[in-house]
Amino acid sequence: MDEKDELTGLIDFEGASGGDPVADFTHWHFMYRKQLPLEWLMAGYSGESMSRDFPQRLRRNSILKSLFMLPYYHKMQNLNGIRIIKENLEYDLVSKTTS
């Protein structure tokens, strides 16, 4: 709002969340795994969020995100989205760790 009480902009908080940074990595992995390696994003994080069990948490959350998105992509007949889910599940279920 400006001094005339007119709306000057909007902030979209649709994907915003607090808590475990694994959520950021999970979304990145889901959407951009092939285009940009996860290590690029991980360089900006440190400390407890990158604990030894991080690869297992990321893998688990990636599988859950794929399963969560599948009914939506199916309902919307989004064949590209279904393809991405299939590729991600194949990758996550075969790999011992995701990085």
N, C-alpha and C. Protein backbone atom coordinates (compact mmCIF):
# COMPACT_ATOMS: atom_id res chain seq x y z
N MET A 1 0.85 -1.17 0.00
CA MET A 1 0.00 0.00 0.00
C MET A 1 0.90 1.23 0.00
N ASP A 2 0.47 2.23 -0.74
CA ASP A 2 1.23 3.47 -0.72
C ASP A 2 0.54 4.50 0.17
N GLU A 3 1.05 5.72 0.13
CA GLU A 3 0.49 6.77 0.99
C GLU A 3 -0.96 7.11 0.66
N LYS A 4 -1.44 6.72 -0.50
CA LYS A 4 -2.85 6.94 -0.89
C LYS A 4 -3.70 5.71 -0.61
N ASP A 5 -3.13 4.74 0.12
CA ASP A 5 -3.80 3.48 0.41
C ASP A 5 -4.18 2.71 -0.85
N GLU A 6 -3.35 2.84 -1.88
CA GLU A 6 -3.56 2.08 -3.11
C GLU A 6 -2.60 0.88 -3.12
N LEU A 7 -3.12 -0.21 -3.61
CA LEU A 7 -2.33 -1.42 -3.69
C LEU A 7 -1.24 -1.24 -4.74
N THR A 8 0.02 -1.51 -4.34
CA THR A 8 1.14 -1.33 -5.26
C THR A 8 1.82 -2.64 -5.63
N GLY A 9 1.46 -3.73 -4.98
CA GLY A 9 2.07 -5.01 -5.31
C GLY A 9 1.50 -6.13 -4.47
N LEU A 10 1.81 -7.34 -4.87
CA LEU A 10 1.37 -8.54 -4.16
C LEU A 10 2.57 -9.45 -3.94
N ILE A 11 2.55 -10.18 -2.86
CA ILE A 11 3.56 -11.19 -2.60
C ILE A 11 2.85 -12.54 -2.59
N ASP A 12 3.34 -13.45 -3.41
CA ASP A 12 2.75 -14.78 -3.52
C ASP A 12 3.51 -15.73 -2.60
N PHE A 13 2.85 -16.21 -1.55
CA PHE A 13 3.46 -17.13 -0.59
C PHE A 13 3.02 -18.57 -0.83
N GLU A 14 2.57 -18.89 -2.03
CA GLU A 14 2.00 -20.22 -2.30
C GLU A 14 2.92 -21.36 -1.87
N GLY A 15 4.17 -21.32 -2.24
CA GLY A 15 5.07 -22.43 -1.94
C GLY A 15 5.91 -22.22 -0.70
N ALA A 16 5.66 -21.17 0.04
CA ALA A 16 6.49 -20.86 1.20
C ALA A 16 6.18 -21.78 2.36
N SER A 17 7.24 -22.17 3.06
CA SER A 17 7.05 -22.97 4.26
C SER A 17 8.26 -22.78 5.16
N GLY A 18 8.07 -23.05 6.41
CA GLY A 18 9.18 -22.97 7.35
C GLY A 18 9.54 -24.37 7.80
N GLY A 19 10.66 -24.48 8.47
CA GLY A 19 11.02 -25.78 9.00
C GLY A 19 12.22 -26.38 8.32
N ASP A 20 12.17 -27.67 8.15
CA ASP A 20 13.29 -28.45 7.63
C ASP A 20 13.62 -28.03 6.19
N PRO A 21 14.86 -27.62 5.93
CA PRO A 21 15.24 -27.23 4.57
C PRO A 21 15.12 -28.36 3.55
N VAL A 22 14.93 -29.59 4.03
CA VAL A 22 14.78 -30.70 3.08
C VAL A 22 13.60 -30.44 2.14
N ALA A 23 12.63 -29.63 2.56
CA ALA A 23 11.49 -29.30 1.68
C ALA A 23 11.97 -28.54 0.45
N ASP A 24 12.91 -27.61 0.63
CA ASP A 24 13.45 -26.87 -0.52
C ASP A 24 14.15 -27.83 -1.48
N PHE A 25 14.97 -28.70 -0.92
CA PHE A 25 15.71 -29.64 -1.74
C PHE A 25 14.79 -30.64 -2.43
N THR A 26 13.74 -31.04 -1.74
CA THR A 26 12.79 -31.99 -2.33
C THR A 26 12.13 -31.38 -3.56
N HIS A 27 11.69 -30.14 -3.45
CA HIS A 27 11.05 -29.48 -4.59
C HIS A 27 12.05 -29.33 -5.73
N TRP A 28 13.26 -28.91 -5.41
CA TRP A 28 14.30 -28.74 -6.43
C TRP A 28 14.56 -30.07 -7.14
N HIS A 29 14.72 -31.10 -6.34
CA HIS A 29 14.98 -32.44 -6.88
C HIS A 29 13.83 -32.89 -7.78
N PHE A 30 12.60 -32.64 -7.35
CA PHE A 30 11.42 -33.05 -8.10
C PHE A 30 11.36 -32.34 -9.46
N MET A 31 11.63 -31.03 -9.46
CA MET A 31 11.44 -30.23 -10.66
C MET A 31 12.68 -30.12 -11.55
N TYR A 32 13.86 -30.05 -10.94
CA TYR A 32 15.05 -29.65 -11.71
C TYR A 32 16.21 -30.63 -11.62
N ARG A 33 15.99 -31.82 -11.14
CA ARG A 33 17.07 -32.80 -10.94
C ARG A 33 17.95 -32.95 -12.18
N LYS A 34 17.35 -33.00 -13.34
CA LYS A 34 18.12 -33.22 -14.57
C LYS A 34 18.83 -31.95 -15.06
N GLN A 35 18.22 -30.79 -14.86
CA GLN A 35 18.77 -29.55 -15.40
C GLN A 35 19.93 -29.00 -14.56
N LEU A 36 19.75 -28.95 -13.25
CA LEU A 36 20.78 -28.40 -12.36
C LEU A 36 20.98 -29.36 -11.20
N PRO A 37 22.22 -29.76 -10.97
CA PRO A 37 22.47 -30.71 -9.88
C PRO A 37 22.12 -30.13 -8.51
N LEU A 38 21.71 -31.00 -7.64
CA LEU A 38 21.32 -30.61 -6.29
C LEU A 38 22.47 -29.95 -5.53
N GLU A 39 23.69 -30.33 -5.85
CA GLU A 39 24.85 -29.75 -5.17
C GLU A 39 24.90 -28.23 -5.34
N TRP A 40 24.39 -27.73 -6.46
CA TRP A 40 24.37 -26.30 -6.71
C TRP A 40 23.53 -25.59 -5.64
N LEU A 41 22.39 -26.15 -5.31
CA LEU A 41 21.53 -25.57 -4.28
C LEU A 41 22.09 -25.82 -2.89
N MET A 42 22.67 -26.98 -2.68
CA MET A 42 23.19 -27.35 -1.36
C MET A 42 24.34 -26.44 -0.91
N ALA A 43 25.03 -25.83 -1.84
CA ALA A 43 26.16 -24.96 -1.49
C ALA A 43 25.74 -23.81 -0.59
N GLY A 44 24.49 -23.43 -0.63
CA GLY A 44 24.01 -22.32 0.19
C GLY A 44 23.55 -22.72 1.58
N TYR A 45 23.63 -23.98 1.92
CA TYR A 45 23.17 -24.48 3.21
C TYR A 45 24.33 -25.08 3.98
N SER A 46 24.20 -25.07 5.28
CA SER A 46 25.24 -25.70 6.11
C SER A 46 24.64 -26.05 7.47
N GLY A 47 25.45 -26.61 8.32
CA GLY A 47 25.03 -26.87 9.70
C GLY A 47 24.13 -28.07 9.84
N GLU A 48 23.24 -27.98 10.83
CA GLU A 48 22.39 -29.12 11.19
C GLU A 48 21.46 -29.55 10.07
N SER A 49 21.07 -28.62 9.19
CA SER A 49 20.16 -28.99 8.10
C SER A 49 20.80 -30.00 7.16
N MET A 50 22.12 -30.10 7.19
CA MET A 50 22.83 -31.02 6.31
C MET A 50 23.40 -32.19 7.11
N SER A 51 22.64 -32.69 8.05
CA SER A 51 23.09 -33.78 8.91
C SER A 51 23.34 -35.04 8.11
N ARG A 52 23.94 -36.02 8.79
CA ARG A 52 24.29 -37.27 8.11
C ARG A 52 23.08 -37.99 7.53
N ASP A 53 21.91 -37.83 8.12
CA ASP A 53 20.74 -38.52 7.59
C ASP A 53 20.02 -37.73 6.50
N PHE A 54 20.62 -36.61 6.08
CA PHE A 54 19.98 -35.78 5.05
C PHE A 54 19.67 -36.55 3.77
N PRO A 55 20.60 -37.36 3.23
CA PRO A 55 20.26 -38.08 1.99
C PRO A 55 19.03 -38.99 2.13
N GLN A 56 18.89 -39.64 3.28
CA GLN A 56 17.73 -40.52 3.49
C GLN A 56 16.45 -39.70 3.61
N ARG A 57 16.50 -38.56 4.31
CA ARG A 57 15.31 -37.69 4.43
C ARG A 57 14.91 -37.14 3.07
N LEU A 58 15.90 -36.74 2.28
CA LEU A 58 15.61 -36.21 0.96
C LEU A 58 14.97 -37.28 0.07
N ARG A 59 15.52 -38.46 0.10
CA ARG A 59 14.99 -39.56 -0.71
C ARG A 59 13.54 -39.88 -0.31
N ARG A 60 13.31 -39.99 1.00
CA ARG A 60 11.95 -40.28 1.50
C ARG A 60 10.98 -39.17 1.08
N ASN A 61 11.37 -37.93 1.29
CA ASN A 61 10.47 -36.82 0.95
C ASN A 61 10.25 -36.70 -0.55
N SER A 62 11.27 -37.04 -1.34
CA SER A 62 11.11 -37.00 -2.79
C SER A 62 10.10 -38.04 -3.27
N ILE A 63 10.17 -39.22 -2.70
CA ILE A 63 9.20 -40.27 -3.03
C ILE A 63 7.79 -39.83 -2.63
N LEU A 64 7.67 -39.27 -1.43
CA LEU A 64 6.35 -38.81 -0.96
C LEU A 64 5.81 -37.70 -1.85
N LYS A 65 6.66 -36.76 -2.27
CA LYS A 65 6.19 -35.67 -3.14
C LYS A 65 5.69 -36.22 -4.47
N SER A 66 6.41 -37.18 -5.03
CA SER A 66 5.97 -37.79 -6.29
C SER A 66 4.62 -38.45 -6.12
N LEU A 67 4.46 -39.22 -5.06
CA LEU A 67 3.18 -39.90 -4.82
C LEU A 67 2.06 -38.90 -4.54
N PHE A 68 2.38 -37.79 -3.88
CA PHE A 68 1.40 -36.75 -3.59
C PHE A 68 0.94 -36.06 -4.89
N MET A 69 1.86 -35.82 -5.82
CA MET A 69 1.54 -35.09 -7.04
C MET A 69 0.87 -35.96 -8.11
N LEU A 70 1.03 -37.27 -8.02
CA LEU A 70 0.52 -38.16 -9.07
C LEU A 70 -0.99 -38.02 -9.30
N PRO A 71 -1.85 -38.04 -8.27
CA PRO A 71 -3.28 -37.90 -8.55
C PRO A 71 -3.63 -36.57 -9.23
N TYR A 72 -2.93 -35.49 -8.87
CA TYR A 72 -3.20 -34.19 -9.48
C TYR A 72 -2.84 -34.22 -10.97
N TYR A 73 -1.64 -34.69 -11.29
CA TYR A 73 -1.23 -34.74 -12.69
C TYR A 73 -2.14 -35.68 -13.49
N HIS A 74 -2.57 -36.76 -12.87
CA HIS A 74 -3.49 -37.69 -13.55
C HIS A 74 -4.83 -37.00 -13.84
N LYS A 75 -5.37 -36.33 -12.83
CA LYS A 75 -6.66 -35.65 -13.00
C LYS A 75 -6.57 -34.57 -14.08
N MET A 76 -5.44 -33.85 -14.12
CA MET A 76 -5.27 -32.78 -15.10
C MET A 76 -4.81 -33.31 -16.46
N GLN A 77 -4.63 -34.62 -16.56
CA GLN A 77 -4.14 -35.26 -17.77
C GLN A 77 -2.82 -34.64 -18.24
N ASN A 78 -1.97 -34.33 -17.26
CA ASN A 78 -0.66 -33.72 -17.52
C ASN A 78 0.36 -34.83 -17.75
N LEU A 79 0.51 -35.21 -19.01
CA LEU A 79 1.38 -36.32 -19.34
C LEU A 79 2.85 -36.02 -19.05
N ASN A 80 3.25 -34.77 -19.22
CA ASN A 80 4.62 -34.40 -18.88
C ASN A 80 4.87 -34.54 -17.38
N GLY A 81 3.92 -34.11 -16.57
CA GLY A 81 4.04 -34.25 -15.13
C GLY A 81 4.11 -35.71 -14.71
N ILE A 82 3.30 -36.54 -15.33
CA ILE A 82 3.32 -37.99 -15.03
C ILE A 82 4.67 -38.58 -15.43
N ARG A 83 5.22 -38.13 -16.55
CA ARG A 83 6.54 -38.60 -16.98
C ARG A 83 7.61 -38.21 -15.97
N ILE A 84 7.55 -36.98 -15.47
CA ILE A 84 8.52 -36.52 -14.47
C ILE A 84 8.41 -37.37 -13.20
N ILE A 85 7.19 -37.65 -12.77
CA ILE A 85 6.99 -38.48 -11.58
C ILE A 85 7.57 -39.87 -11.79
N LYS A 86 7.29 -40.45 -12.94
CA LYS A 86 7.81 -41.79 -13.25
C LYS A 86 9.34 -41.79 -13.20
N GLU A 87 9.96 -40.82 -13.83
CA GLU A 87 11.43 -40.74 -13.83
C GLU A 87 11.97 -40.54 -12.42
N ASN A 88 11.33 -39.66 -11.65
CA ASN A 88 11.81 -39.40 -10.29
C ASN A 88 11.65 -40.63 -9.40
N LEU A 89 10.51 -41.31 -9.51
CA LEU A 89 10.32 -42.51 -8.70
C LEU A 89 11.32 -43.60 -9.07
N GLU A 90 11.55 -43.79 -10.35
CA GLU A 90 12.55 -44.77 -10.77
C GLU A 90 13.92 -44.42 -10.20
N TYR A 91 14.29 -43.15 -10.25
CA TYR A 91 15.57 -42.70 -9.72
C TYR A 91 15.64 -42.89 -8.21
N ASP A 92 14.61 -42.41 -7.50
CA ASP A 92 14.63 -42.44 -6.03
C ASP A 92 14.50 -43.84 -5.46
N LEU A 93 13.75 -44.69 -6.11
CA LEU A 93 13.57 -46.05 -5.59
C LEU A 93 14.77 -46.95 -5.85
N VAL A 94 15.55 -46.61 -6.86
CA VAL A 94 16.74 -47.41 -7.19
C VAL A 94 17.96 -46.92 -6.44
N SER A 95 18.10 -45.60 -6.30
CA SER A 95 19.31 -45.06 -5.66
C SER A 95 19.26 -45.28 -4.15
N LYS A 96 20.42 -45.51 -3.57
CA LYS A 96 20.52 -45.67 -2.12
C LYS A 96 20.48 -44.32 -1.43
N THR A 97 21.02 -43.32 -2.09
CA THR A 97 20.96 -41.94 -1.59
C THR A 97 20.68 -41.03 -2.77
N THR A 98 20.10 -39.89 -2.49
CA THR A 98 19.81 -38.91 -3.53
C THR A 98 20.71 -37.72 -3.29
N SER A 99 21.50 -37.40 -4.26
CA SER A 99 22.34 -36.21 -4.16
C SER A 99 22.68 -35.70 -5.54
